[in-house]
Amino acid sequence: MSKYLFLALALPFVELYLLLTVGRQLGVAPTLGLLLAAGLMGSWLAKKEGLRVLRKWQTAHAEGRVPEEGLVSAALVWVGGVLLIIPGFVTDAMGLFLLLPPARRWLSRRFRRGVERRMQQGTLRVTPFGGAVHPERAPGPPRPTLEETVGEGASRPPRKALGEEEAEFTEEGPKP
C-alpha cells in the first residue's frame, strides 16, 4: 500500500518535470497544443470505447449470455478517460494504455486471478458501503425469509408482528 501512496505523491512532480522539459524543447504553445490534443483525443476515444463496451453488454444481455467484458473492463475505460483529462504526459500515456482493448483484457485477467487467489487463501475482505445492515445480523426479532412467505401453505406473518398497523382507507381518509 505504501508503494502506491508513494507513486500517487510522486506523479505530480514527474508530470511537472516532463511538462517543463518538453516545454523547453518545443516551446510553450506546442506543449499546450500537445496536451490539448491528447485530452481531446482521449475524451473521444474514451467515449467510443465506453459505448462499445455498453453495446457489447446490451447485445450479450439480449442474447441471454454473460458479457465478455465485465465491470472491470468498464471501470478501466472510465479510469482511462479520467487519466486522459488530467493534463500531463504520463497520465495521458497511462490513460491511452487503459483504453486499448488488449491492455484491458490483460489487466482484467490479472485482476480476476488476484481475486481468485485471495479467495482461495481466505485473505479477500469485502466490506459493504453505506452502513448496510445484513438481515441475519439485524437487531430485533427475526424476519421471515422469502422462502417462508412464498409458496404453498405459506402465509404472510401478521402485520402486528412486523410492527405495522392495520388501517382502513376511505374517501375521508384513514381510520385507525
N, C-alpha and C. Protein backbone atom coordinates (compact mmCIF):
# COMPACT_ATOMS: atom_id res chain seq x y z
N MET A 1 0.82 -1.19 0.00
CA MET A 1 0.00 0.00 0.00
C MET A 1 0.87 1.25 0.00
N SER A 2 1.98 1.22 0.71
CA SER A 2 2.83 2.40 0.79
C SER A 2 3.48 2.73 -0.55
N LYS A 3 3.72 1.70 -1.38
CA LYS A 3 4.32 1.99 -2.69
C LYS A 3 3.32 2.73 -3.58
N TYR A 4 2.01 2.41 -3.45
CA TYR A 4 1.00 3.11 -4.23
C TYR A 4 0.86 4.56 -3.76
N LEU A 5 0.96 4.76 -2.47
CA LEU A 5 0.91 6.12 -1.94
C LEU A 5 2.10 6.93 -2.44
N PHE A 6 3.27 6.32 -2.44
CA PHE A 6 4.47 6.99 -2.93
C PHE A 6 4.30 7.36 -4.41
N LEU A 7 3.79 6.42 -5.22
CA LEU A 7 3.59 6.70 -6.64
C LEU A 7 2.58 7.82 -6.85
N ALA A 8 1.51 7.82 -6.06
CA ALA A 8 0.50 8.87 -6.19
C ALA A 8 1.07 10.23 -5.82
N LEU A 9 1.95 10.27 -4.83
CA LEU A 9 2.55 11.54 -4.42
C LEU A 9 3.65 11.98 -5.38
N ALA A 10 4.34 11.03 -6.00
CA ALA A 10 5.43 11.37 -6.91
C ALA A 10 4.93 11.77 -8.30
N LEU A 11 3.76 11.28 -8.69
CA LEU A 11 3.26 11.52 -10.04
C LEU A 11 3.17 13.00 -10.41
N PRO A 12 2.62 13.88 -9.59
CA PRO A 12 2.57 15.30 -9.98
C PRO A 12 3.96 15.91 -10.23
N PHE A 13 4.94 15.49 -9.45
CA PHE A 13 6.30 16.02 -9.66
C PHE A 13 6.90 15.52 -10.97
N VAL A 14 6.65 14.26 -11.29
CA VAL A 14 7.14 13.71 -12.56
C VAL A 14 6.45 14.41 -13.72
N GLU A 15 5.14 14.62 -13.60
CA GLU A 15 4.39 15.31 -14.65
C GLU A 15 4.92 16.74 -14.85
N LEU A 16 5.14 17.43 -13.76
CA LEU A 16 5.64 18.80 -13.85
C LEU A 16 7.02 18.84 -14.49
N TYR A 17 7.88 17.92 -14.10
CA TYR A 17 9.23 17.85 -14.69
C TYR A 17 9.14 17.61 -16.20
N LEU A 18 8.30 16.66 -16.60
CA LEU A 18 8.16 16.37 -18.04
C LEU A 18 7.56 17.55 -18.79
N LEU A 19 6.57 18.21 -18.20
CA LEU A 19 5.99 19.38 -18.86
C LEU A 19 7.02 20.48 -19.06
N LEU A 20 7.82 20.73 -18.04
CA LEU A 20 8.86 21.77 -18.16
C LEU A 20 9.93 21.37 -19.17
N THR A 21 10.32 20.11 -19.17
CA THR A 21 11.35 19.64 -20.11
C THR A 21 10.85 19.72 -21.55
N VAL A 22 9.64 19.23 -21.79
CA VAL A 22 9.08 19.29 -23.14
C VAL A 22 8.82 20.74 -23.53
N GLY A 23 8.37 21.55 -22.58
CA GLY A 23 8.14 22.97 -22.85
C GLY A 23 9.41 23.69 -23.25
N ARG A 24 10.53 23.35 -22.64
CA ARG A 24 11.82 23.96 -23.01
C ARG A 24 12.26 23.53 -24.40
N GLN A 25 12.00 22.27 -24.75
CA GLN A 25 12.44 21.75 -26.04
C GLN A 25 11.54 22.23 -27.18
N LEU A 26 10.24 22.20 -26.99
CA LEU A 26 9.30 22.54 -28.07
C LEU A 26 8.77 23.96 -27.99
N GLY A 27 8.71 24.51 -26.82
CA GLY A 27 8.10 25.81 -26.63
C GLY A 27 6.76 25.65 -25.92
N VAL A 28 6.24 26.76 -25.45
CA VAL A 28 5.01 26.72 -24.65
C VAL A 28 3.80 26.35 -25.51
N ALA A 29 3.63 27.01 -26.66
CA ALA A 29 2.45 26.77 -27.49
C ALA A 29 2.37 25.32 -27.98
N PRO A 30 3.45 24.75 -28.53
CA PRO A 30 3.36 23.35 -28.96
C PRO A 30 3.10 22.37 -27.80
N THR A 31 3.67 22.66 -26.64
CA THR A 31 3.44 21.79 -25.48
C THR A 31 1.97 21.83 -25.07
N LEU A 32 1.41 23.04 -24.98
CA LEU A 32 -0.01 23.16 -24.64
C LEU A 32 -0.88 22.53 -25.73
N GLY A 33 -0.46 22.67 -26.99
CA GLY A 33 -1.19 22.04 -28.09
C GLY A 33 -1.19 20.53 -27.98
N LEU A 34 -0.04 19.96 -27.61
CA LEU A 34 0.03 18.51 -27.40
C LEU A 34 -0.89 18.06 -26.28
N LEU A 35 -0.88 18.79 -25.19
CA LEU A 35 -1.74 18.43 -24.07
C LEU A 35 -3.22 18.53 -24.44
N LEU A 36 -3.58 19.60 -25.16
CA LEU A 36 -4.96 19.78 -25.59
C LEU A 36 -5.38 18.68 -26.56
N ALA A 37 -4.50 18.38 -27.53
CA ALA A 37 -4.81 17.32 -28.50
C ALA A 37 -4.96 15.97 -27.81
N ALA A 38 -4.09 15.69 -26.86
CA ALA A 38 -4.18 14.41 -26.13
C ALA A 38 -5.47 14.34 -25.33
N GLY A 39 -5.85 15.45 -24.71
CA GLY A 39 -7.09 15.47 -23.94
C GLY A 39 -8.32 15.28 -24.81
N LEU A 40 -8.35 15.97 -25.97
CA LEU A 40 -9.49 15.83 -26.88
C LEU A 40 -9.55 14.43 -27.48
N MET A 41 -8.39 13.94 -27.92
CA MET A 41 -8.36 12.60 -28.50
C MET A 41 -8.74 11.56 -27.44
N GLY A 42 -8.26 11.76 -26.24
CA GLY A 42 -8.56 10.83 -25.16
C GLY A 42 -10.02 10.81 -24.80
N SER A 43 -10.65 11.99 -24.73
CA SER A 43 -12.07 12.01 -24.39
C SER A 43 -12.90 11.37 -25.50
N TRP A 44 -12.52 11.60 -26.76
CA TRP A 44 -13.22 10.96 -27.87
C TRP A 44 -13.05 9.44 -27.82
N LEU A 45 -11.82 8.99 -27.57
CA LEU A 45 -11.55 7.55 -27.52
C LEU A 45 -12.23 6.90 -26.32
N ALA A 46 -12.26 7.60 -25.19
CA ALA A 46 -12.93 7.06 -24.00
C ALA A 46 -14.42 6.91 -24.27
N LYS A 47 -15.02 7.90 -24.91
CA LYS A 47 -16.45 7.82 -25.24
C LYS A 47 -16.70 6.66 -26.20
N LYS A 48 -15.85 6.54 -27.22
CA LYS A 48 -16.01 5.48 -28.22
C LYS A 48 -15.89 4.10 -27.57
N GLU A 49 -14.86 3.90 -26.76
CA GLU A 49 -14.65 2.61 -26.10
C GLU A 49 -15.74 2.32 -25.07
N GLY A 50 -16.15 3.34 -24.35
CA GLY A 50 -17.22 3.15 -23.37
C GLY A 50 -18.53 2.73 -24.03
N LEU A 51 -18.86 3.37 -25.15
CA LEU A 51 -20.07 2.99 -25.89
C LEU A 51 -19.93 1.59 -26.48
N ARG A 52 -18.72 1.23 -26.91
CA ARG A 52 -18.50 -0.11 -27.46
C ARG A 52 -18.73 -1.17 -26.38
N VAL A 53 -18.19 -0.93 -25.19
CA VAL A 53 -18.40 -1.87 -24.08
C VAL A 53 -19.88 -1.95 -23.74
N LEU A 54 -20.57 -0.81 -23.72
CA LEU A 54 -22.00 -0.79 -23.41
C LEU A 54 -22.80 -1.58 -24.46
N ARG A 55 -22.47 -1.39 -25.75
CA ARG A 55 -23.17 -2.14 -26.81
C ARG A 55 -22.94 -3.64 -26.66
N LYS A 56 -21.71 -4.03 -26.32
CA LYS A 56 -21.43 -5.46 -26.13
C LYS A 56 -22.23 -6.01 -24.96
N TRP A 57 -22.35 -5.24 -23.89
CA TRP A 57 -23.15 -5.67 -22.74
C TRP A 57 -24.61 -5.83 -23.15
N GLN A 58 -25.15 -4.85 -23.88
CA GLN A 58 -26.54 -4.91 -24.29
C GLN A 58 -26.80 -6.10 -25.21
N THR A 59 -25.90 -6.35 -26.15
CA THR A 59 -26.04 -7.49 -27.05
C THR A 59 -26.00 -8.80 -26.28
N ALA A 60 -25.04 -8.92 -25.38
CA ALA A 60 -24.93 -10.15 -24.59
C ALA A 60 -26.18 -10.34 -23.73
N HIS A 61 -26.68 -9.27 -23.15
CA HIS A 61 -27.88 -9.37 -22.31
C HIS A 61 -29.09 -9.78 -23.14
N ALA A 62 -29.22 -9.21 -24.35
CA ALA A 62 -30.34 -9.56 -25.22
C ALA A 62 -30.28 -11.02 -25.64
N GLU A 63 -29.06 -11.56 -25.78
CA GLU A 63 -28.89 -12.96 -26.17
C GLU A 63 -28.90 -13.89 -24.97
N GLY A 64 -29.01 -13.35 -23.77
CA GLY A 64 -29.08 -14.16 -22.57
C GLY A 64 -27.77 -14.79 -22.15
N ARG A 65 -26.66 -14.12 -22.44
CA ARG A 65 -25.36 -14.66 -22.04
C ARG A 65 -24.58 -13.61 -21.25
N VAL A 66 -23.52 -14.06 -20.62
CA VAL A 66 -22.68 -13.17 -19.81
C VAL A 66 -21.78 -12.37 -20.75
N PRO A 67 -21.66 -11.05 -20.55
CA PRO A 67 -20.78 -10.25 -21.42
C PRO A 67 -19.32 -10.67 -21.29
N GLU A 68 -18.61 -10.61 -22.41
CA GLU A 68 -17.18 -10.94 -22.40
C GLU A 68 -16.40 -9.93 -21.57
N GLU A 69 -16.75 -8.68 -21.74
CA GLU A 69 -16.08 -7.62 -20.98
C GLU A 69 -16.94 -7.30 -19.76
N GLY A 70 -16.37 -7.47 -18.60
CA GLY A 70 -17.12 -7.28 -17.37
C GLY A 70 -17.01 -5.89 -16.81
N LEU A 71 -17.34 -5.77 -15.55
CA LEU A 71 -17.29 -4.49 -14.86
C LEU A 71 -15.88 -3.95 -14.76
N VAL A 72 -14.91 -4.85 -14.66
CA VAL A 72 -13.52 -4.39 -14.54
C VAL A 72 -13.12 -3.65 -15.81
N SER A 73 -13.50 -4.18 -16.97
CA SER A 73 -13.18 -3.52 -18.23
C SER A 73 -13.85 -2.15 -18.32
N ALA A 74 -15.10 -2.07 -17.91
CA ALA A 74 -15.80 -0.78 -17.92
C ALA A 74 -15.14 0.21 -16.97
N ALA A 75 -14.72 -0.27 -15.81
CA ALA A 75 -14.03 0.60 -14.84
C ALA A 75 -12.70 1.08 -15.41
N LEU A 76 -12.00 0.21 -16.14
CA LEU A 76 -10.73 0.60 -16.73
C LEU A 76 -10.93 1.65 -17.82
N VAL A 77 -12.00 1.54 -18.60
CA VAL A 77 -12.32 2.58 -19.60
C VAL A 77 -12.56 3.91 -18.90
N TRP A 78 -13.32 3.87 -17.80
CA TRP A 78 -13.61 5.09 -17.06
C TRP A 78 -12.33 5.71 -16.50
N VAL A 79 -11.49 4.89 -15.88
CA VAL A 79 -10.23 5.39 -15.32
C VAL A 79 -9.34 5.93 -16.43
N GLY A 80 -9.30 5.23 -17.57
CA GLY A 80 -8.51 5.72 -18.70
C GLY A 80 -8.98 7.08 -19.17
N GLY A 81 -10.29 7.27 -19.24
CA GLY A 81 -10.83 8.57 -19.64
C GLY A 81 -10.48 9.67 -18.66
N VAL A 82 -10.56 9.36 -17.38
CA VAL A 82 -10.19 10.35 -16.35
C VAL A 82 -8.71 10.70 -16.46
N LEU A 83 -7.87 9.69 -16.66
CA LEU A 83 -6.43 9.96 -16.77
C LEU A 83 -6.11 10.81 -17.99
N LEU A 84 -6.87 10.65 -19.07
CA LEU A 84 -6.62 11.46 -20.26
C LEU A 84 -7.07 12.91 -20.07
N ILE A 85 -8.02 13.13 -19.21
CA ILE A 85 -8.48 14.50 -18.97
C ILE A 85 -7.47 15.26 -18.11
N ILE A 86 -6.78 14.55 -17.22
CA ILE A 86 -5.77 15.18 -16.36
C ILE A 86 -4.59 15.59 -17.24
N PRO A 87 -4.18 16.86 -17.19
CA PRO A 87 -3.07 17.28 -18.03
C PRO A 87 -1.75 16.65 -17.59
N GLY A 88 -1.01 16.16 -18.55
CA GLY A 88 0.29 15.56 -18.28
C GLY A 88 0.55 14.42 -19.23
N PHE A 89 1.83 14.19 -19.51
CA PHE A 89 2.19 13.16 -20.48
C PHE A 89 2.13 11.75 -19.90
N VAL A 90 2.49 11.59 -18.65
CA VAL A 90 2.45 10.27 -18.02
C VAL A 90 1.01 9.80 -17.87
N THR A 91 0.14 10.68 -17.38
CA THR A 91 -1.26 10.29 -17.21
C THR A 91 -1.92 10.04 -18.57
N ASP A 92 -1.53 10.80 -19.60
CA ASP A 92 -2.06 10.55 -20.94
C ASP A 92 -1.63 9.17 -21.45
N ALA A 93 -0.38 8.82 -21.24
CA ALA A 93 0.11 7.51 -21.69
C ALA A 93 -0.61 6.39 -20.94
N MET A 94 -0.79 6.57 -19.62
CA MET A 94 -1.50 5.55 -18.84
C MET A 94 -2.95 5.45 -19.28
N GLY A 95 -3.59 6.58 -19.54
CA GLY A 95 -4.98 6.58 -19.98
C GLY A 95 -5.16 5.92 -21.33
N LEU A 96 -4.26 6.23 -22.28
CA LEU A 96 -4.33 5.58 -23.59
C LEU A 96 -4.12 4.08 -23.47
N PHE A 97 -3.20 3.67 -22.61
CA PHE A 97 -2.96 2.24 -22.39
C PHE A 97 -4.23 1.55 -21.90
N LEU A 98 -4.94 2.19 -20.96
CA LEU A 98 -6.15 1.59 -20.40
C LEU A 98 -7.30 1.54 -21.40
N LEU A 99 -7.25 2.37 -22.44
CA LEU A 99 -8.33 2.36 -23.42
C LEU A 99 -8.11 1.34 -24.53
N LEU A 100 -6.95 0.73 -24.58
CA LEU A 100 -6.70 -0.31 -25.59
C LEU A 100 -7.33 -1.62 -25.14
N PRO A 101 -8.20 -2.22 -25.98
CA PRO A 101 -8.86 -3.47 -25.57
C PRO A 101 -7.91 -4.59 -25.15
N PRO A 102 -6.78 -4.83 -25.85
CA PRO A 102 -5.88 -5.90 -25.37
C PRO A 102 -5.31 -5.61 -23.98
N ALA A 103 -5.02 -4.35 -23.70
CA ALA A 103 -4.50 -3.99 -22.38
C ALA A 103 -5.56 -4.20 -21.31
N ARG A 104 -6.80 -3.85 -21.62
CA ARG A 104 -7.89 -4.06 -20.65
C ARG A 104 -8.11 -5.54 -20.39
N ARG A 105 -8.06 -6.36 -21.44
CA ARG A 105 -8.23 -7.81 -21.24
C ARG A 105 -7.13 -8.35 -20.35
N TRP A 106 -5.89 -7.91 -20.60
CA TRP A 106 -4.74 -8.38 -19.80
C TRP A 106 -4.90 -7.96 -18.34
N LEU A 107 -5.26 -6.70 -18.11
CA LEU A 107 -5.44 -6.22 -16.74
C LEU A 107 -6.63 -6.89 -16.06
N SER A 108 -7.70 -7.13 -16.80
CA SER A 108 -8.87 -7.81 -16.23
C SER A 108 -8.52 -9.23 -15.80
N ARG A 109 -7.74 -9.93 -16.64
CA ARG A 109 -7.32 -11.29 -16.27
C ARG A 109 -6.45 -11.27 -15.03
N ARG A 110 -5.52 -10.32 -14.95
CA ARG A 110 -4.66 -10.22 -13.76
C ARG A 110 -5.49 -9.93 -12.52
N PHE A 111 -6.45 -9.04 -12.64
CA PHE A 111 -7.31 -8.70 -11.51
C PHE A 111 -8.10 -9.92 -11.06
N ARG A 112 -8.71 -10.63 -12.03
CA ARG A 112 -9.51 -11.81 -11.70
C ARG A 112 -8.66 -12.88 -11.03
N ARG A 113 -7.46 -13.11 -11.56
CA ARG A 113 -6.56 -14.11 -10.94
C ARG A 113 -6.19 -13.71 -9.52
N GLY A 114 -5.93 -12.43 -9.32
CA GLY A 114 -5.59 -11.96 -7.97
C GLY A 114 -6.74 -12.16 -7.00
N VAL A 115 -7.96 -11.85 -7.45
CA VAL A 115 -9.13 -12.04 -6.59
C VAL A 115 -9.33 -13.52 -6.30
N GLU A 116 -9.21 -14.36 -7.33
CA GLU A 116 -9.38 -15.81 -7.12
C GLU A 116 -8.33 -16.35 -6.15
N ARG A 117 -7.09 -15.89 -6.29
CA ARG A 117 -6.03 -16.35 -5.39
C ARG A 117 -6.32 -15.94 -3.95
N ARG A 118 -6.75 -14.69 -3.77
CA ARG A 118 -7.06 -14.22 -2.42
C ARG A 118 -8.27 -14.94 -1.83
N MET A 119 -9.22 -15.32 -2.70
CA MET A 119 -10.37 -16.09 -2.21
C MET A 119 -9.93 -17.47 -1.74
N GLN A 120 -9.04 -18.11 -2.50
CA GLN A 120 -8.56 -19.43 -2.12
C GLN A 120 -7.74 -19.37 -0.84
N GLN A 121 -6.98 -18.30 -0.66
CA GLN A 121 -6.17 -18.15 0.54
C GLN A 121 -7.00 -17.69 1.73
N GLY A 122 -8.19 -17.21 1.45
CA GLY A 122 -9.04 -16.71 2.52
C GLY A 122 -8.66 -15.32 2.99
N THR A 123 -7.93 -14.57 2.16
CA THR A 123 -7.49 -13.24 2.56
C THR A 123 -8.30 -12.13 1.89
N LEU A 124 -9.31 -12.48 1.09
CA LEU A 124 -10.14 -11.48 0.44
C LEU A 124 -11.14 -10.93 1.45
N ARG A 125 -11.18 -9.62 1.56
CA ARG A 125 -12.07 -8.97 2.51
C ARG A 125 -13.03 -8.08 1.75
N VAL A 126 -14.31 -8.29 1.92
CA VAL A 126 -15.33 -7.49 1.25
C VAL A 126 -16.07 -6.69 2.31
N THR A 127 -16.15 -5.39 2.12
CA THR A 127 -16.79 -4.51 3.09
C THR A 127 -17.93 -3.77 2.41
N PRO A 128 -19.14 -3.81 2.97
CA PRO A 128 -20.25 -3.07 2.36
C PRO A 128 -20.07 -1.58 2.58
N PHE A 129 -20.59 -0.80 1.63
CA PHE A 129 -20.54 0.66 1.74
C PHE A 129 -21.84 1.17 2.32
N GLY A 130 -21.80 2.28 2.98
CA GLY A 130 -23.00 2.96 3.42
C GLY A 130 -23.69 2.35 4.62
N GLY A 131 -23.00 1.58 5.42
CA GLY A 131 -23.60 1.04 6.63
C GLY A 131 -24.73 0.07 6.35
N ALA A 132 -24.57 -0.79 5.37
CA ALA A 132 -25.62 -1.76 5.04
C ALA A 132 -25.86 -2.69 6.22
N VAL A 133 -27.11 -3.03 6.43
CA VAL A 133 -27.48 -3.94 7.52
C VAL A 133 -27.78 -5.29 6.91
N HIS A 134 -27.16 -6.31 7.45
CA HIS A 134 -27.42 -7.67 6.98
C HIS A 134 -28.58 -8.24 7.78
N PRO A 135 -29.58 -8.83 7.11
CA PRO A 135 -30.76 -9.34 7.82
C PRO A 135 -30.41 -10.33 8.91
N GLU A 136 -29.39 -11.15 8.70
CA GLU A 136 -29.06 -12.15 9.71
C GLU A 136 -28.42 -11.53 10.95
N ARG A 137 -27.96 -10.28 10.83
CA ARG A 137 -27.34 -9.62 11.98
C ARG A 137 -28.16 -8.44 12.48
N ALA A 138 -29.33 -8.23 11.92
CA ALA A 138 -30.14 -7.08 12.31
C ALA A 138 -30.71 -7.29 13.71
N PRO A 139 -30.80 -6.21 14.50
CA PRO A 139 -31.37 -6.35 15.84
C PRO A 139 -32.86 -6.61 15.77
N GLY A 140 -33.40 -7.19 16.82
CA GLY A 140 -34.83 -7.44 16.90
C GLY A 140 -35.18 -8.86 16.51
N PRO A 141 -36.48 -9.13 16.48
CA PRO A 141 -36.90 -10.49 16.16
C PRO A 141 -36.59 -10.83 14.71
N PRO A 142 -36.34 -12.10 14.42
CA PRO A 142 -36.02 -12.47 13.04
C PRO A 142 -37.20 -12.23 12.12
N ARG A 143 -36.90 -11.77 10.93
CA ARG A 143 -37.93 -11.52 9.93
C ARG A 143 -38.09 -12.77 9.07
N PRO A 144 -39.27 -12.99 8.52
CA PRO A 144 -39.45 -14.16 7.65
C PRO A 144 -38.65 -14.01 6.37
N THR A 145 -38.12 -15.10 5.88
CA THR A 145 -37.38 -15.07 4.62
C THR A 145 -38.36 -15.23 3.48
N LEU A 146 -37.88 -15.04 2.26
CA LEU A 146 -38.71 -15.17 1.09
C LEU A 146 -39.30 -16.57 0.99
N GLU A 147 -38.50 -17.58 1.33
CA GLU A 147 -38.96 -18.96 1.26
C GLU A 147 -40.12 -19.20 2.22
N GLU A 148 -40.12 -18.53 3.36
CA GLU A 148 -41.18 -18.71 4.35
C GLU A 148 -42.47 -18.00 3.96
N THR A 149 -42.37 -16.94 3.16
CA THR A 149 -43.55 -16.15 2.84
C THR A 149 -44.12 -16.46 1.47
N VAL A 150 -43.44 -17.25 0.65
CA VAL A 150 -43.90 -17.57 -0.69
C VAL A 150 -44.02 -19.08 -0.82
N GLY A 151 -45.03 -19.52 -1.50
CA GLY A 151 -45.17 -20.96 -1.75
C GLY A 151 -46.46 -21.49 -1.19
N GLU A 152 -46.68 -22.80 -1.38
CA GLU A 152 -47.91 -23.43 -0.93
C GLU A 152 -48.00 -23.42 0.59
N GLY A 153 -49.17 -23.07 1.08
CA GLY A 153 -49.41 -23.11 2.51
C GLY A 153 -48.74 -22.01 3.29
N ALA A 154 -47.93 -21.20 2.63
CA ALA A 154 -47.25 -20.13 3.34
C ALA A 154 -48.18 -18.94 3.46
N SER A 155 -48.06 -18.24 4.54
CA SER A 155 -48.88 -17.05 4.71
C SER A 155 -48.00 -15.94 5.24
N ARG A 156 -48.46 -14.74 5.00
CA ARG A 156 -47.72 -13.58 5.47
C ARG A 156 -47.90 -13.49 6.97
N PRO A 157 -46.84 -13.17 7.72
CA PRO A 157 -46.98 -13.02 9.16
C PRO A 157 -47.96 -11.89 9.47
N PRO A 158 -48.57 -11.94 10.64
CA PRO A 158 -49.50 -10.86 10.99
C PRO A 158 -48.81 -9.51 10.96
N ARG A 159 -49.56 -8.50 10.56
CA ARG A 159 -48.99 -7.16 10.45
C ARG A 159 -48.44 -6.67 11.78
N LYS A 160 -49.08 -6.99 12.86
CA LYS A 160 -48.62 -6.54 14.17
C LYS A 160 -47.24 -7.10 14.48
N ALA A 161 -46.96 -8.32 14.01
CA ALA A 161 -45.66 -8.94 14.28
C ALA A 161 -44.55 -8.19 13.56
N LEU A 162 -44.88 -7.58 12.43
CA LEU A 162 -43.89 -6.84 11.67
C LEU A 162 -43.83 -5.37 12.06
N GLY A 163 -44.62 -4.98 13.08
CA GLY A 163 -44.59 -3.59 13.52
C GLY A 163 -45.47 -2.69 12.67
N GLU A 164 -46.38 -3.27 11.88
CA GLU A 164 -47.26 -2.48 11.04
C GLU A 164 -48.61 -2.34 11.73
N GLU A 165 -49.34 -1.32 11.39
CA GLU A 165 -50.66 -1.07 11.96
C GLU A 165 -51.70 -1.32 10.88
N GLU A 166 -52.83 -1.90 11.29
CA GLU A 166 -53.96 -2.08 10.38
C GLU A 166 -54.64 -0.72 10.22
N ALA A 167 -55.00 -0.38 9.02
CA ALA A 167 -55.71 0.87 8.77
C ALA A 167 -56.72 0.64 7.66
N GLU A 168 -57.84 1.34 7.77
CA GLU A 168 -58.87 1.24 6.75
C GLU A 168 -58.93 2.59 6.05
N PHE A 169 -58.83 2.58 4.73
CA PHE A 169 -58.82 3.82 3.98
C PHE A 169 -60.18 4.04 3.33
N THR A 170 -60.70 5.23 3.50
CA THR A 170 -61.94 5.62 2.84
C THR A 170 -61.68 6.93 2.13
N GLU A 171 -62.73 7.48 1.53
CA GLU A 171 -62.55 8.75 0.83
C GLU A 171 -62.25 9.89 1.78
N GLU A 172 -62.70 9.77 3.05
CA GLU A 172 -62.44 10.83 4.01
C GLU A 172 -61.02 10.77 4.55
N GLY A 173 -60.37 9.64 4.45
CA GLY A 173 -59.02 9.49 4.98
C GLY A 173 -58.88 8.20 5.74
N PRO A 174 -57.74 7.95 6.34
CA PRO A 174 -57.53 6.70 7.06
C PRO A 174 -58.27 6.67 8.38
N LYS A 175 -58.77 5.48 8.72
CA LYS A 175 -59.41 5.28 10.02
C LYS A 175 -58.58 4.28 10.81
N PRO A 176 -58.18 4.64 12.03
CA PRO A 176 -57.37 3.70 12.81
C PRO A 176 -58.17 2.51 13.31
